[in-house]
PDB file of all heavy atoms in Angstrom:
ATOM      1  N   ILE A   1      50.484 -15.525 -11.717  1.00  0.00           N
ATOM      2  CA  ILE A   1      50.502 -16.468 -10.589  1.00  0.00           C
ATOM      3  C   ILE A   1      49.485 -17.580 -10.807  1.00  0.00           C
ATOM      4  O   ILE A   1      48.347 -17.343 -11.204  1.00  0.00           O
ATOM      5  CB  ILE A   1      50.197 -15.732  -9.260  1.00  0.00           C
ATOM      6  CG1 ILE A   1      51.339 -14.783  -8.905  1.00  0.00           C
ATOM      7  CG2 ILE A   1      49.989 -16.736  -8.131  1.00  0.00           C
ATOM      8  CD1 ILE A   1      51.133 -14.047  -7.582  1.00  0.00           C
ATOM      9  N   ARG A   2      49.927 -18.804 -10.532  1.00  0.00           N
ATOM     10  CA  ARG A   2      49.021 -19.954 -10.471  1.00  0.00           C
ATOM     11  C   ARG A   2      48.848 -20.307  -8.994  1.00  0.00           C
ATOM     12  O   ARG A   2      49.813 -20.547  -8.279  1.00  0.00           O
ATOM     13  CB  ARG A   2      49.589 -21.129 -11.259  1.00  0.00           C
ATOM     14  CG  ARG A   2      49.709 -20.845 -12.763  1.00  0.00           C
ATOM     15  CD  ARG A   2      50.378 -22.022 -13.455  1.00  0.00           C
ATOM     16  NE  ARG A   2      49.551 -23.210 -13.384  1.00  0.00           N
ATOM     17  CZ  ARG A   2      50.044 -24.454 -13.406  1.00  0.00           C
ATOM     18  NH1 ARG A   2      51.358 -24.657 -13.443  1.00  0.00           N
ATOM     19  NH2 ARG A   2      49.231 -25.498 -13.346  1.00  0.00           N
ATOM     20  N   TRP A   3      47.599 -20.357  -8.552  1.00  0.00           N
ATOM     21  CA  TRP A   3      47.295 -20.448  -7.136  1.00  0.00           C
ATOM     22  C   TRP A   3      47.015 -21.876  -6.691  1.00  0.00           C
ATOM     23  O   TRP A   3      46.377 -22.648  -7.422  1.00  0.00           O
ATOM     24  CB  TRP A   3      46.072 -19.588  -6.811  1.00  0.00           C
ATOM     25  CG  TRP A   3      46.259 -18.137  -7.119  1.00  0.00           C
ATOM     26  CD1 TRP A   3      45.983 -17.499  -8.303  1.00  0.00           C
ATOM     27  CD2 TRP A   3      46.786 -17.136  -6.233  1.00  0.00           C
ATOM     28  NE1 TRP A   3      46.297 -16.166  -8.204  1.00  0.00           N
ATOM     29  CE2 TRP A   3      46.789 -15.918  -6.955  1.00  0.00           C
ATOM     30  CE3 TRP A   3      47.231 -17.146  -4.917  1.00  0.00           C
ATOM     31  CZ2 TRP A   3      47.232 -14.727  -6.382  1.00  0.00           C
ATOM     32  CZ3 TRP A   3      47.667 -15.963  -4.349  1.00  0.00           C
ATOM     33  CH2 TRP A   3      47.671 -14.775  -5.077  1.00  0.00           C
ATOM     34  N   VAL A   4      47.461 -22.203  -5.491  1.00  0.00           N
ATOM     35  CA  VAL A   4      46.981 -23.392  -4.781  1.00  0.00           C
ATOM     36  C   VAL A   4      45.816 -22.926  -3.915  1.00  0.00           C
ATOM     37  O   VAL A   4      45.989 -22.062  -3.052  1.00  0.00           O
ATOM     38  CB  VAL A   4      48.088 -24.026  -3.916  1.00  0.00           C
ATOM     39  CG1 VAL A   4      47.504 -25.157  -3.066  1.00  0.00           C
ATOM     40  CG2 VAL A   4      49.202 -24.570  -4.790  1.00  0.00           C
ATOM     41  N   LEU A   5      44.640 -23.483  -4.150  1.00  0.00           N
ATOM     42  CA  LEU A   5      43.433 -23.086  -3.429  1.00  0.00           C
ATOM     43  C   LEU A   5      43.139 -24.127  -2.352  1.00  0.00           C
ATOM     44  O   LEU A   5      42.989 -25.314  -2.656  1.00  0.00           O
ATOM     45  CB  LEU A   5      42.248 -22.976  -4.395  1.00  0.00           C
ATOM     46  CG  LEU A   5      42.469 -22.105  -5.642  1.00  0.00           C
ATOM     47  CD1 LEU A   5      41.216 -22.115  -6.518  1.00  0.00           C
ATOM     48  CD2 LEU A   5      42.838 -20.683  -5.248  1.00  0.00           C
ATOM     49  N   ILE A   6      43.066 -23.681  -1.095  1.00  0.00           N
ATOM     50  CA  ILE A   6      42.910 -24.597   0.030  1.00  0.00           C
ATOM     51  C   ILE A   6      41.597 -24.302   0.746  1.00  0.00           C
ATOM     52  O   ILE A   6      41.312 -23.154   1.096  1.00  0.00           O
ATOM     53  CB  ILE A   6      44.089 -24.453   1.019  1.00  0.00           C
ATOM     54  CG1 ILE A   6      45.419 -24.654   0.287  1.00  0.00           C
ATOM     55  CG2 ILE A   6      43.962 -25.454   2.160  1.00  0.00           C
ATOM     56  CD1 ILE A   6      46.635 -24.358   1.136  1.00  0.00           C
ATOM     57  N   GLY A   7      40.805 -25.347   0.956  1.00  0.00           N
ATOM     58  CA  GLY A   7      39.527 -25.185   1.647  1.00  0.00           C
ATOM     59  C   GLY A   7      39.123 -26.474   2.318  1.00  0.00           C
ATOM     60  O   GLY A   7      39.958 -27.340   2.602  1.00  0.00           O
ATOM     61  N   ASP A   8      37.814 -26.635   2.571  1.00  0.00           N
ATOM     62  CA  ASP A   8      37.314 -27.867   3.188  1.00  0.00           C
ATOM     63  C   ASP A   8      36.068 -28.317   2.445  1.00  0.00           C
ATOM     64  O   ASP A   8      35.528 -27.592   1.601  1.00  0.00           O
ATOM     65  CB  ASP A   8      37.029 -27.642   4.681  1.00  0.00           C
ATOM     66  CG  ASP A   8      35.957 -26.590   4.910  1.00  0.00           C
ATOM     67  OD1 ASP A   8      34.767 -26.909   4.742  1.00  0.00           O
ATOM     68  OD2 ASP A   8      36.306 -25.440   5.246  1.00  0.00           O
ATOM     69  N   ASP A   9      35.631 -29.553   2.756  1.00  0.00           N
ATOM     70  CA  ASP A   9      34.490 -30.116   2.026  1.00  0.00           C
ATOM     71  C   ASP A   9      33.169 -29.890   2.737  1.00  0.00           C
ATOM     72  O   ASP A   9      32.189 -30.590   2.492  1.00  0.00           O
ATOM     73  CB  ASP A   9      34.699 -31.605   1.741  1.00  0.00           C
ATOM     74  CG  ASP A   9      34.784 -32.460   3.007  1.00  0.00           C
ATOM     75  OD1 ASP A   9      34.738 -31.891   4.112  1.00  0.00           O
ATOM     76  OD2 ASP A   9      34.891 -33.690   2.885  1.00  0.00           O
ATOM     77  N   GLY A  10      33.110 -28.907   3.624  1.00  0.00           N
ATOM     78  CA  GLY A  10      31.848 -28.545   4.253  1.00  0.00           C
ATOM     79  C   GLY A  10      31.190 -27.426   3.465  1.00  0.00           C
ATOM     80  O   GLY A  10      31.561 -26.263   3.575  1.00  0.00           O
ATOM     81  N   GLN A  11      30.245 -27.750   2.637  1.00  0.00           N
ATOM     82  CA  GLN A  11      29.466 -26.777   1.867  1.00  0.00           C
ATOM     83  C   GLN A  11      30.103 -26.358   0.541  1.00  0.00           C
ATOM     84  O   GLN A  11      30.169 -27.169  -0.366  1.00  0.00           O
ATOM     85  CB  GLN A  11      29.112 -25.558   2.729  1.00  0.00           C
ATOM     86  CG  GLN A  11      28.318 -25.907   3.991  1.00  0.00           C
ATOM     87  CD  GLN A  11      26.953 -26.492   3.702  1.00  0.00           C
ATOM     88  OE1 GLN A  11      26.195 -25.943   2.923  1.00  0.00           O
ATOM     89  NE2 GLN A  11      26.641 -27.607   4.314  1.00  0.00           N
ATOM     90  N   HIS A  12      30.674 -25.146   0.405  1.00  0.00           N
ATOM     91  CA  HIS A  12      30.823 -24.542  -0.913  1.00  0.00           C
ATOM     92  C   HIS A  12      32.242 -24.401  -1.474  1.00  0.00           C
ATOM     93  O   HIS A  12      32.397 -23.976  -2.611  1.00  0.00           O
ATOM     94  CB  HIS A  12      30.180 -23.146  -0.909  1.00  0.00           C
ATOM     95  CG  HIS A  12      28.721 -23.158  -0.585  1.00  0.00           C
ATOM     96  ND1 HIS A  12      27.791 -23.876  -1.314  1.00  0.00           N
ATOM     97  CD2 HIS A  12      28.026 -22.537   0.406  1.00  0.00           C
ATOM     98  CE1 HIS A  12      26.582 -23.689  -0.798  1.00  0.00           C
ATOM     99  NE2 HIS A  12      26.700 -22.894   0.248  1.00  0.00           N
ATOM    100  N   ASP A  13      33.281 -24.669  -0.706  1.00  0.00           N
ATOM    101  CA  ASP A  13      34.631 -24.418  -1.210  1.00  0.00           C
ATOM    102  C   ASP A  13      34.930 -25.169  -2.501  1.00  0.00           C
ATOM    103  O   ASP A  13      35.525 -24.619  -3.434  1.00  0.00           O
ATOM    104  CB  ASP A  13      35.680 -24.775  -0.154  1.00  0.00           C
ATOM    105  CG  ASP A  13      35.800 -23.705   0.926  1.00  0.00           C
ATOM    106  OD1 ASP A  13      35.244 -22.608   0.734  1.00  0.00           O
ATOM    107  OD2 ASP A  13      36.435 -23.968   1.957  1.00  0.00           O
ATOM    108  N   GLU A  14      34.516 -26.430  -2.570  1.00  0.00           N
ATOM    109  CA  GLU A  14      34.783 -27.219  -3.771  1.00  0.00           C
ATOM    110  C   GLU A  14      34.120 -26.603  -5.004  1.00  0.00           C
ATOM    111  O   GLU A  14      34.736 -26.505  -6.074  1.00  0.00           O
ATOM    112  CB  GLU A  14      34.298 -28.654  -3.579  1.00  0.00           C
ATOM    113  CG  GLU A  14      35.114 -29.463  -2.583  1.00  0.00           C
ATOM    114  CD  GLU A  14      34.468 -30.802  -2.286  1.00  0.00           C
ATOM    115  OE1 GLU A  14      33.428 -30.811  -1.595  1.00  0.00           O
ATOM    116  OE2 GLU A  14      34.999 -31.822  -2.751  1.00  0.00           O
ATOM    117  N   GLU A  15      32.870 -26.195  -4.864  1.00  0.00           N
ATOM    118  CA  GLU A  15      32.164 -25.582  -5.995  1.00  0.00           C
ATOM    119  C   GLU A  15      32.828 -24.275  -6.421  1.00  0.00           C
ATOM    120  O   GLU A  15      33.043 -24.029  -7.615  1.00  0.00           O
ATOM    121  CB  GLU A  15      30.706 -25.317  -5.621  1.00  0.00           C
ATOM    122  CG  GLU A  15      29.859 -26.546  -5.415  1.00  0.00           C
ATOM    123  CD  GLU A  15      28.430 -26.156  -5.055  1.00  0.00           C
ATOM    124  OE1 GLU A  15      27.804 -25.432  -5.849  1.00  0.00           O
ATOM    125  OE2 GLU A  15      27.965 -26.546  -3.976  1.00  0.00           O
ATOM    126  N   ILE A  16      33.130 -23.443  -5.441  1.00  0.00           N
ATOM    127  CA  ILE A  16      33.714 -22.132  -5.743  1.00  0.00           C
ATOM    128  C   ILE A  16      35.061 -22.293  -6.427  1.00  0.00           C
ATOM    129  O   ILE A  16      35.340 -21.670  -7.463  1.00  0.00           O
ATOM    130  CB  ILE A  16      33.866 -21.306  -4.448  1.00  0.00           C
ATOM    131  CG1 ILE A  16      32.485 -20.966  -3.869  1.00  0.00           C
ATOM    132  CG2 ILE A  16      34.652 -20.025  -4.710  1.00  0.00           C
ATOM    133  CD1 ILE A  16      32.525 -20.361  -2.485  1.00  0.00           C
ATOM    134  N   TYR A  17      35.922 -23.137  -5.871  1.00  0.00           N
ATOM    135  CA  TYR A  17      37.250 -23.326  -6.438  1.00  0.00           C
ATOM    136  C   TYR A  17      37.178 -23.994  -7.812  1.00  0.00           C
ATOM    137  O   TYR A  17      37.909 -23.631  -8.738  1.00  0.00           O
ATOM    138  CB  TYR A  17      38.110 -24.180  -5.497  1.00  0.00           C
ATOM    139  CG  TYR A  17      38.507 -23.488  -4.206  1.00  0.00           C
ATOM    140  CD1 TYR A  17      39.018 -24.225  -3.125  1.00  0.00           C
ATOM    141  CD2 TYR A  17      38.363 -22.110  -4.034  1.00  0.00           C
ATOM    142  CE1 TYR A  17      39.386 -23.608  -1.934  1.00  0.00           C
ATOM    143  CE2 TYR A  17      38.726 -21.486  -2.851  1.00  0.00           C
ATOM    144  CZ  TYR A  17      39.240 -22.246  -1.800  1.00  0.00           C
ATOM    145  OH  TYR A  17      39.614 -21.632  -0.630  1.00  0.00           O
ATOM    146  N   GLY A  18      36.292 -24.989  -7.945  1.00  0.00           N
ATOM    147  CA  GLY A  18      36.178 -25.677  -9.231  1.00  0.00           C
ATOM    148  C   GLY A  18      35.695 -24.763 -10.337  1.00  0.00           C
ATOM    149  O   GLY A  18      36.229 -24.780 -11.455  1.00  0.00           O
ATOM    150  N   GLU A  19      34.692 -23.943 -10.039  1.00  0.00           N
ATOM    151  CA  GLU A  19      34.179 -23.010 -11.040  1.00  0.00           C
ATOM    152  C   GLU A  19      35.225 -21.951 -11.391  1.00  0.00           C
ATOM    153  O   GLU A  19      35.348 -21.555 -12.556  1.00  0.00           O
ATOM    154  CB  GLU A  19      32.896 -22.359 -10.535  1.00  0.00           C
ATOM    155  CG  GLU A  19      31.729 -23.330 -10.447  1.00  0.00           C
ATOM    156  CD  GLU A  19      30.500 -22.715  -9.804  1.00  0.00           C
ATOM    157  OE1 GLU A  19      30.537 -21.497  -9.505  1.00  0.00           O
ATOM    158  OE2 GLU A  19      29.505 -23.448  -9.584  1.00  0.00           O
ATOM    159  N   PHE A  20      35.978 -21.508 -10.396  1.00  0.00           N
ATOM    160  CA  PHE A  20      37.034 -20.533 -10.667  1.00  0.00           C
ATOM    161  C   PHE A  20      38.099 -21.136 -11.578  1.00  0.00           C
ATOM    162  O   PHE A  20      38.589 -20.470 -12.509  1.00  0.00           O
ATOM    163  CB  PHE A  20      37.662 -20.078  -9.346  1.00  0.00           C
ATOM    164  CG  PHE A  20      38.855 -19.171  -9.513  1.00  0.00           C
ATOM    165  CD1 PHE A  20      38.702 -17.871  -9.978  1.00  0.00           C
ATOM    166  CD2 PHE A  20      40.135 -19.616  -9.206  1.00  0.00           C
ATOM    167  CE1 PHE A  20      39.803 -17.026 -10.135  1.00  0.00           C
ATOM    168  CE2 PHE A  20      41.233 -18.788  -9.354  1.00  0.00           C
ATOM    169  CZ  PHE A  20      41.072 -17.492  -9.817  1.00  0.00           C
ATOM    170  N   ALA A  21      38.462 -22.394 -11.340  1.00  0.00           N
ATOM    171  CA  ALA A  21      39.456 -23.061 -12.188  1.00  0.00           C
ATOM    172  C   ALA A  21      38.967 -23.193 -13.627  1.00  0.00           C
ATOM    173  O   ALA A  21      39.740 -23.053 -14.579  1.00  0.00           O
ATOM    174  CB  ALA A  21      39.798 -24.432 -11.616  1.00  0.00           C
ATOM    175  N   LEU A  22      37.661 -23.447 -13.801  1.00  0.00           N
ATOM    176  CA  LEU A  22      37.091 -23.553 -15.144  1.00  0.00           C
ATOM    177  C   LEU A  22      37.027 -22.195 -15.841  1.00  0.00           C
ATOM    178  O   LEU A  22      37.303 -22.086 -17.036  1.00  0.00           O
ATOM    179  CB  LEU A  22      35.683 -24.156 -15.076  1.00  0.00           C
ATOM    180  CG  LEU A  22      35.570 -25.664 -14.863  1.00  0.00           C
ATOM    181  CD1 LEU A  22      34.118 -26.055 -14.669  1.00  0.00           C
ATOM    182  CD2 LEU A  22      36.172 -26.425 -16.053  1.00  0.00           C
ATOM    183  N   ASP A  23      36.673 -21.166 -15.080  1.00  0.00           N
ATOM    184  CA  ASP A  23      36.475 -19.837 -15.662  1.00  0.00           C
ATOM    185  C   ASP A  23      37.786 -19.116 -15.961  1.00  0.00           C
ATOM    186  O   ASP A  23      37.817 -18.210 -16.806  1.00  0.00           O
ATOM    187  CB  ASP A  23      35.627 -18.968 -14.725  1.00  0.00           C
ATOM    188  CG  ASP A  23      34.213 -19.492 -14.571  1.00  0.00           C
ATOM    189  OD1 ASP A  23      33.777 -20.267 -15.439  1.00  0.00           O
ATOM    190  OD2 ASP A  23      33.552 -19.136 -13.573  1.00  0.00           O
ATOM    191  N   THR A  24      38.855 -19.468 -15.250  1.00  0.00           N
ATOM    192  CA  THR A  24      40.139 -18.784 -15.419  1.00  0.00           C
ATOM    193  C   THR A  24      41.239 -19.810 -15.688  1.00  0.00           C
ATOM    194  O   THR A  24      42.073 -20.068 -14.808  1.00  0.00           O
ATOM    195  CB  THR A  24      40.491 -17.935 -14.184  1.00  0.00           C
ATOM    196  OG1 THR A  24      40.522 -18.787 -13.028  1.00  0.00           O
ATOM    197  CG2 THR A  24      39.476 -16.833 -13.965  1.00  0.00           C
TER     198      THR A  24
END
């Protein structure tokens, strides 16, 4: 599965999702 990751720009979602995309 390739996931669409949905969050908001308040605090950490961008960092978490971006690092996950790089690591996997």
